Amino acid sequence: MVLPPKVITIEANFLDAREHDFYNAIYTQSVAQFGSYVESGTLLNNYAHILDLLTRLRQAINHPYLVLHSKREIAARADAPVTTGGAVCGLCFEDADDAVLSACGHTFCRGCMQDYIASIAANAATLCPTCRQPLSVELSAPKAGAGEADDGYRATTSAGVTSMGHARRGILSRLDLARFQSSTKIEALMEEVHLMRERDPSAKAIVFSQFVSFLDLLEHRLVRSGVRVVKLNGGMSAGAREVCISAFKEDPDVRVILISLKAGGVALNLTVATHIYLMDPWWNPAAEYQAIDRAHRLGQHKPIRAVRFVVRNTVEERILRLQDKKRLVFEGTVGGDAASLSQLSEEDLRFLFQN
């Protein structure tokens, strides 16, 4: 069976002056820190710290709130440990999504830890990102139905807008929503969703991000504009996950599903959607292909439009170039080493942080 056509485009934007100044401040600090590791010859020994620098840059591009109102930042301003509101991932510093615990007692999102281990260069030690002890962690998927009795999710209806989310409000509980400011990335998505609805009033879209807190901000902005959404995170029980997916597939008024790339890259069939929006690029191009294939697969009868959102003059452009390089190396290697797509070598890191 021949699948309908798939068109993938890049939506490139520039940060506004406020966002640009904020990003540049973090970028300058990050490059200086990276340079200190290079000068001391400890680059690969500080692999987890470097990934942390990269995460903060990527969050700053999506929205300054993701840095300013992260639990880590709030705790730092209060000179206190990050302890409030449940377990916090030691890699992305958001509330742990589908949490796993290392043998040394530190918590991480399952997806973050999987990505961390996959990205470690062959000649780098696998250490706990938090305490730098040799890493031991169980990453096998939880049994189906785990957490069913207390999944913590609910459906709410407000002003005719349906939303599905975790009982905890995450970053939104730390914001003054009456003074909420959007971002370049968020408004770019809003424009795309508006155009989608104009072209086809029945069309549905999948929105992917690697940051759960960013999905929370997107949900707030979409709901405020009258778009009905559901949200899928990695920590949902099997029952809550099924309710969310069924609502997206079967309710004609639910137009958008927000999915954590940590949770939704594989094992989902969402052919009801014809638009896919990838909010933040990942250096492993296979992760984005898998996300797009949630809609472009057997059972899809309409053309697919996928949009990759990128901000110019930021590390995201370098991530795209790194994707291209990895793709060419993979395609030119006999047998193709899929693991190499996920790994970040010392050369890759130097490229991402070059000044």
Protein backbone atom coordinates (compact mmCIF):
# COMPACT_ATOMS: atom_id res chain seq x y z
CA MET A 1 0.00 0.00 0.00
CA VAL A 2 1.33 3.43 -0.98
CA LEU A 3 1.15 6.05 1.75
CA PRO A 4 -0.15 9.55 0.92
CA PRO A 5 2.50 12.27 0.44
CA LYS A 6 4.37 13.71 3.42
CA VAL A 7 5.68 17.28 3.32
CA ILE A 8 8.20 18.35 5.98
CA THR A 9 8.98 22.06 6.27
CA ILE A 10 11.08 24.19 8.60
CA GLU A 11 9.47 27.21 10.23
CA ALA A 12 12.39 29.49 11.06
CA ASN A 13 11.85 32.53 13.25
CA PHE A 14 13.90 35.12 15.13
CA LEU A 15 13.63 35.77 18.86
CA ASP A 16 12.22 39.14 19.84
CA ALA A 17 14.50 41.61 21.63
CA ARG A 18 13.52 40.44 25.13
CA GLU A 19 14.01 36.76 24.32
CA HIS A 20 17.22 37.46 22.38
CA ASP A 21 18.86 39.26 25.33
CA PHE A 22 17.85 36.47 27.70
CA TYR A 23 19.13 33.72 25.41
CA ASN A 24 22.41 35.52 24.72
CA ALA A 25 23.10 35.92 28.43
CA ILE A 26 22.67 32.18 29.01
CA TYR A 27 24.63 31.33 25.85
CA THR A 28 27.58 33.48 26.94
CA GLN A 29 27.65 31.80 30.35
CA SER A 30 27.34 28.35 28.79
CA VAL A 31 30.16 28.88 26.29
CA ALA A 32 32.43 30.16 29.09
CA GLN A 33 31.64 27.09 31.22
CA PHE A 34 32.19 24.76 28.29
CA GLY A 35 35.50 26.47 27.56
CA SER A 36 36.67 25.87 31.12
CA TYR A 37 36.09 22.13 30.67
CA VAL A 38 38.06 22.19 27.41
CA GLU A 39 40.97 24.08 28.98
CA SER A 40 41.15 21.74 31.98
CA GLY A 41 40.96 18.63 29.79
CA THR A 42 37.82 17.41 31.60
CA LEU A 43 35.31 17.68 28.76
CA LEU A 44 34.10 14.07 28.75
CA ASN A 45 34.30 13.88 32.55
CA ASN A 46 31.68 16.65 32.66
CA TYR A 47 29.37 15.15 30.06
CA ALA A 48 26.21 15.44 32.19
CA HIS A 49 26.99 19.06 33.07
CA ILE A 50 27.44 19.90 29.39
CA LEU A 51 24.08 18.31 28.53
CA ASP A 52 22.61 20.45 31.31
CA LEU A 53 24.04 23.58 29.65
CA LEU A 54 22.52 22.48 26.35
CA THR A 55 19.15 21.82 27.96
CA ARG A 56 19.02 25.31 29.48
CA LEU A 57 19.82 26.87 26.09
CA ARG A 58 17.07 24.90 24.39
CA GLN A 59 14.57 25.77 27.11
CA ALA A 60 15.47 29.46 26.87
CA ILE A 61 14.71 29.37 23.15
CA ASN A 62 11.26 27.88 23.72
CA HIS A 63 10.31 30.33 26.46
CA PRO A 64 12.30 32.20 29.16
CA TYR A 65 9.77 30.91 31.71
CA LEU A 66 11.21 27.40 31.35
CA VAL A 67 14.46 28.65 32.87
CA LEU A 68 13.25 31.47 35.14
CA HIS A 69 10.44 29.44 36.70
CA SER A 70 12.06 26.01 36.80
CA LYS A 71 12.14 24.44 40.22
CA ARG A 72 15.94 24.50 40.10
CA GLU A 73 16.04 28.26 39.45
CA ILE A 74 13.50 29.03 42.16
CA ALA A 75 15.43 26.90 44.66
CA ALA A 76 18.70 28.60 43.67
CA ARG A 77 17.21 32.05 44.26
CA ALA A 78 16.01 30.89 47.67
CA ASP A 79 19.37 29.19 48.37
CA ALA A 80 17.46 25.96 49.08
CA PRO A 81 17.51 22.42 47.66
CA VAL A 82 15.02 21.43 44.97
CA THR A 83 12.61 19.49 47.12
CA THR A 84 9.11 20.91 46.77
CA GLY A 85 6.27 19.57 44.66
CA GLY A 86 7.45 16.02 44.05
CA ALA A 87 10.47 14.42 42.40
CA VAL A 88 12.47 16.57 39.99
CA CYS A 89 14.49 15.06 37.13
CA GLY A 90 18.22 15.53 37.58
CA LEU A 91 18.66 16.06 33.83
CA CYS A 92 15.89 18.41 32.63
CA PHE A 93 15.03 19.79 36.11
CA GLU A 94 11.32 19.49 35.46
CA ASP A 95 8.91 17.35 37.46
CA ALA A 96 10.05 13.81 36.68
CA ASP A 97 7.94 12.32 33.90
CA ASP A 98 7.59 8.52 34.27
CA ALA A 99 10.25 8.66 36.99
CA VAL A 100 13.11 6.19 37.44
CA LEU A 101 15.46 6.01 40.43
CA SER A 102 19.18 5.35 40.15
CA ALA A 103 20.96 3.01 42.54
CA CYS A 104 22.62 6.08 44.11
CA GLY A 105 19.18 7.49 44.93
CA HIS A 106 18.60 10.17 42.27
CA THR A 107 15.44 10.68 40.21
CA PHE A 108 15.15 11.20 36.46
CA CYS A 109 12.51 11.13 33.73
CA ARG A 110 12.66 7.71 32.09
CA GLY A 111 12.96 9.37 28.67
CA CYS A 112 15.67 11.78 29.83
CA MET A 113 17.75 8.93 31.24
CA GLN A 114 17.30 6.83 28.11
CA ASP A 115 18.43 9.78 25.97
CA TYR A 116 21.34 10.51 28.32
CA ILE A 117 22.68 6.96 28.18
CA ALA A 118 22.17 6.76 24.41
CA SER A 119 23.98 10.06 23.85
CA ILE A 120 27.11 9.26 25.87
CA ALA A 121 30.15 9.05 23.62
CA ALA A 122 31.85 5.67 23.40
CA ASN A 123 34.94 6.94 25.22
CA ALA A 124 33.07 8.70 28.04
CA ALA A 125 32.28 7.16 31.43
CA THR A 126 28.63 6.49 32.28
CA LEU A 127 28.22 8.42 35.52
CA CYS A 128 25.17 9.59 37.45
CA PRO A 129 24.44 13.15 36.26
CA THR A 130 23.75 14.25 39.84
CA CYS A 131 26.49 12.71 42.00
CA ARG A 132 28.95 11.50 39.31
CA GLN A 133 29.09 7.98 40.75
CA PRO A 134 29.05 5.00 38.35
CA LEU A 135 25.49 4.86 37.03
CA SER A 136 23.13 1.96 37.69
CA VAL A 137 19.44 2.39 36.84
CA GLU A 138 16.58 0.11 35.79
CA LEU A 139 14.99 1.39 32.58
CA SER A 140 12.66 -1.44 31.60
CA ALA A 141 9.16 -0.16 30.97
CA PRO A 142 6.66 -0.41 33.85
CA LYS A 143 4.00 -3.09 33.56
CA ALA A 144 0.86 -2.11 31.71
CA GLY A 145 -1.67 -0.67 34.10
CA ALA A 146 0.91 0.35 36.68
CA GLY A 147 -0.34 3.30 38.66
CA GLU A 148 -3.92 2.64 37.54
CA ALA A 149 -5.38 3.07 40.99
CA ASP A 150 -3.92 6.54 41.45
CA ASP A 151 -3.08 8.01 38.09
CA GLY A 152 -3.50 11.62 39.20
CA TYR A 153 -5.07 12.74 35.93
CA ARG A 154 -8.41 14.32 35.30
CA ALA A 155 -10.50 15.81 32.54
CA THR A 156 -11.78 19.33 33.05
CA THR A 157 -14.15 21.52 31.13
CA SER A 158 -13.88 25.28 31.23
CA ALA A 159 -15.76 27.66 28.94
CA GLY A 160 -16.42 24.77 26.58
CA VAL A 161 -12.75 23.90 26.24
CA THR A 162 -11.70 20.38 27.10
CA SER A 163 -8.26 19.71 28.51
CA MET A 164 -6.57 16.61 29.83
CA GLY A 165 -3.62 17.00 32.16
CA HIS A 166 -1.96 15.91 35.34
CA ALA A 167 -3.56 16.90 38.64
CA ARG A 168 -0.40 18.86 39.43
CA ARG A 169 -0.23 22.04 37.40
CA GLY A 170 3.54 22.08 37.05
CA ILE A 171 5.01 25.34 35.84
CA LEU A 172 1.62 27.04 35.55
CA SER A 173 1.25 26.93 39.34
CA ARG A 174 4.44 29.02 39.59
CA LEU A 175 3.29 31.75 37.18
CA ASP A 176 1.03 34.78 37.52
CA LEU A 177 -1.24 33.75 34.66
CA ALA A 178 -2.93 37.16 34.60
CA ARG A 179 0.41 38.55 33.39
CA PHE A 180 1.30 35.61 31.14
CA GLN A 181 3.58 36.53 28.24
CA SER A 182 3.82 34.31 25.19
CA SER A 183 6.98 33.54 23.20
CA THR A 184 8.12 33.44 19.59
CA LYS A 185 7.80 29.65 19.46
CA ILE A 186 4.33 29.65 21.00
CA GLU A 187 3.00 32.32 18.66
CA ALA A 188 4.50 30.54 15.65
CA LEU A 189 2.53 27.45 16.62
CA MET A 190 -0.64 29.49 17.16
CA GLU A 191 -0.33 30.87 13.62
CA GLU A 192 0.09 27.35 12.20
CA VAL A 193 -2.92 26.01 14.11
CA HIS A 194 -4.99 29.00 12.95
CA LEU A 195 -4.04 28.33 9.32
CA MET A 196 -4.77 24.61 9.74
CA ARG A 197 -8.28 25.35 10.99
CA GLU A 198 -8.89 27.84 8.17
CA ARG A 199 -7.86 25.34 5.49
CA ASP A 200 -9.70 22.36 6.98
CA PRO A 201 -12.13 22.90 9.87
CA SER A 202 -11.98 19.18 10.71
CA ALA A 203 -8.17 18.82 10.73
CA LYS A 204 -6.32 17.59 13.82
CA ALA A 205 -2.72 18.13 14.89
CA ILE A 206 -0.05 16.48 17.02
CA VAL A 207 2.33 18.80 18.87
CA PHE A 208 5.60 17.30 20.13
CA SER A 209 8.06 18.82 22.60
CA GLN A 210 10.79 17.31 24.73
CA PHE A 211 9.88 19.57 27.65
CA VAL A 212 6.73 18.82 29.63
CA SER A 213 6.68 22.34 31.08
CA PHE A 214 6.64 23.77 27.57
CA LEU A 215 3.64 21.59 26.76
CA ASP A 216 1.95 23.13 29.81
CA LEU A 217 2.60 26.64 28.43
CA LEU A 218 1.36 25.60 24.98
CA GLU A 219 -1.77 24.10 26.50
CA HIS A 220 -2.50 27.32 28.40
CA ARG A 221 -2.13 29.45 25.26
CA LEU A 222 -4.18 27.12 23.05
CA VAL A 223 -6.98 26.76 25.59
CA ARG A 224 -7.06 30.52 26.11
CA SER A 225 -7.62 30.95 22.37
CA GLY A 226 -10.47 28.43 22.33
CA VAL A 227 -8.67 25.38 20.93
CA ARG A 228 -9.67 22.10 22.52
CA VAL A 229 -6.67 19.97 23.43
CA VAL A 230 -5.60 16.82 25.24
CA LYS A 231 -2.13 16.19 26.65
CA LEU A 232 -0.15 12.95 26.85
CA ASN A 233 2.78 12.54 29.25
CA GLY A 234 5.04 9.59 29.96
CA GLY A 235 3.91 9.06 33.56
CA MET A 236 0.24 8.44 32.74
CA SER A 237 -1.28 5.11 33.66
CA ALA A 238 -2.51 2.85 30.87
CA GLY A 239 -6.10 3.86 31.62
CA ALA A 240 -5.47 7.60 31.59
CA ARG A 241 -3.39 7.26 28.44
CA GLU A 242 -6.22 5.43 26.66
CA VAL A 243 -8.77 8.07 27.70
CA CYS A 244 -6.53 10.80 26.33
CA ILE A 245 -5.87 9.06 23.01
CA SER A 246 -9.53 8.09 22.57
CA ALA A 247 -10.64 11.68 23.14
CA PHE A 248 -8.27 12.87 20.43
CA LYS A 249 -9.33 10.18 17.98
CA GLU A 250 -13.07 10.20 18.58
CA ASP A 251 -14.11 13.68 19.76
CA PRO A 252 -14.41 15.94 16.68
CA ASP A 253 -14.03 19.02 18.87
CA VAL A 254 -10.60 17.98 20.21
CA ARG A 255 -8.27 19.44 17.63
CA VAL A 256 -4.80 19.10 19.15
CA ILE A 257 -2.91 16.50 21.17
CA LEU A 258 0.21 17.65 23.03
CA ILE A 259 2.74 14.88 23.47
CA SER A 260 6.02 14.65 25.30
CA LEU A 261 8.58 13.33 22.81
CA LYS A 262 9.85 11.21 25.71
CA ALA A 263 6.50 9.44 25.76
CA GLY A 264 5.03 9.62 22.29
CA GLY A 265 7.76 8.88 19.78
CA VAL A 266 6.89 5.20 19.43
CA ALA A 267 3.97 2.78 19.86
CA LEU A 268 1.28 5.33 18.99
CA ASN A 269 -1.08 5.23 16.02
CA LEU A 270 -2.60 8.65 15.47
CA THR A 271 -3.60 8.58 11.81
CA VAL A 272 -6.57 10.82 12.63
CA ALA A 273 -4.04 13.68 12.58
CA THR A 274 -2.82 15.30 9.36
CA HIS A 275 -0.55 17.95 10.88
CA ILE A 276 2.53 17.35 13.05
CA TYR A 277 4.35 20.18 14.81
CA LEU A 278 7.83 19.51 16.24
CA MET A 279 8.54 22.35 18.66
CA ASP A 280 12.23 21.69 19.42
CA PRO A 281 14.85 19.91 17.30
CA TRP A 282 16.76 16.90 18.64
CA TRP A 283 20.25 15.92 17.49
CA ASN A 284 19.03 12.40 16.74
CA PRO A 285 17.05 12.74 13.48
CA ALA A 286 15.48 9.30 14.01
CA ALA A 287 13.53 10.62 17.01
CA GLU A 288 11.79 13.17 14.81
CA TYR A 289 11.09 10.62 12.06
CA GLN A 290 9.47 8.32 14.63
CA ALA A 291 7.29 11.18 15.87
CA ILE A 292 6.11 12.03 12.35
CA ASP A 293 5.38 8.36 11.70
CA ARG A 294 2.71 8.40 14.42
CA ALA A 295 0.46 9.91 11.74
CA HIS A 296 2.20 8.94 8.48
CA ARG A 297 1.65 5.20 8.55
CA LEU A 298 -0.75 2.49 7.38
CA GLY A 299 -4.29 3.73 7.87
CA GLN A 300 -3.48 7.31 6.86
CA HIS A 301 -5.44 8.39 3.77
CA LYS A 302 -4.66 12.11 3.66
CA PRO A 303 -1.48 14.07 2.92
CA ILE A 304 0.64 14.86 5.96
CA ARG A 305 2.16 18.25 6.77
CA ALA A 306 4.97 18.28 9.34
CA VAL A 307 6.50 21.52 10.58
CA ARG A 308 9.82 21.70 12.44
CA PHE A 309 10.08 24.93 14.45
CA VAL A 310 13.57 26.41 14.66
CA VAL A 311 14.87 29.74 15.89
CA ARG A 312 17.60 31.39 13.83
CA ASN A 313 20.96 32.45 15.27
CA THR A 314 20.68 29.97 18.13
CA VAL A 315 22.03 26.54 18.99
CA GLU A 316 18.97 25.06 17.26
CA GLU A 317 20.46 25.87 13.85
CA ARG A 318 23.60 23.97 14.84
CA ILE A 319 21.47 21.04 16.00
CA LEU A 320 19.89 20.92 12.53
CA ARG A 321 23.34 20.90 10.91
CA LEU A 322 24.41 18.17 13.31
CA GLN A 323 21.33 16.16 12.32
CA ASP A 324 22.32 16.45 8.67
CA LYS A 325 25.86 15.30 9.41
CA LYS A 326 24.68 12.32 11.45
CA ARG A 327 22.20 11.36 8.73
CA LEU A 328 24.88 11.43 6.04
CA VAL A 329 27.29 9.37 8.15
CA PHE A 330 24.55 6.86 8.96
CA GLU A 331 23.45 6.50 5.34
CA GLY A 332 27.05 6.14 4.18
CA THR A 333 27.94 3.42 6.68
CA VAL A 334 27.51 -0.20 5.67
CA GLY A 335 24.82 -1.65 7.91
CA GLY A 336 24.15 1.75 9.48
CA ASP A 337 24.90 2.14 13.20
CA ALA A 338 21.65 3.45 14.69
CA ALA A 339 23.33 4.07 18.06
CA SER A 340 25.61 6.65 16.45
CA LEU A 341 22.58 8.85 15.70
CA SER A 342 21.93 9.33 19.41
CA GLN A 343 25.51 9.79 20.59
CA LEU A 344 27.15 13.17 21.07
CA SER A 345 30.87 12.88 20.51
CA GLU A 346 33.45 15.36 21.77
CA GLU A 347 33.56 16.79 18.24
CA ASP A 348 29.76 17.21 18.28
CA LEU A 349 29.88 19.03 21.62
CA ARG A 350 32.63 21.38 20.43
CA PHE A 351 30.54 22.16 17.33
CA LEU A 352 27.42 22.97 19.39
CA PHE A 353 29.29 25.29 21.76
CA GLN A 354 31.70 26.95 19.34
CA ASN A 355 31.77 30.71 19.81
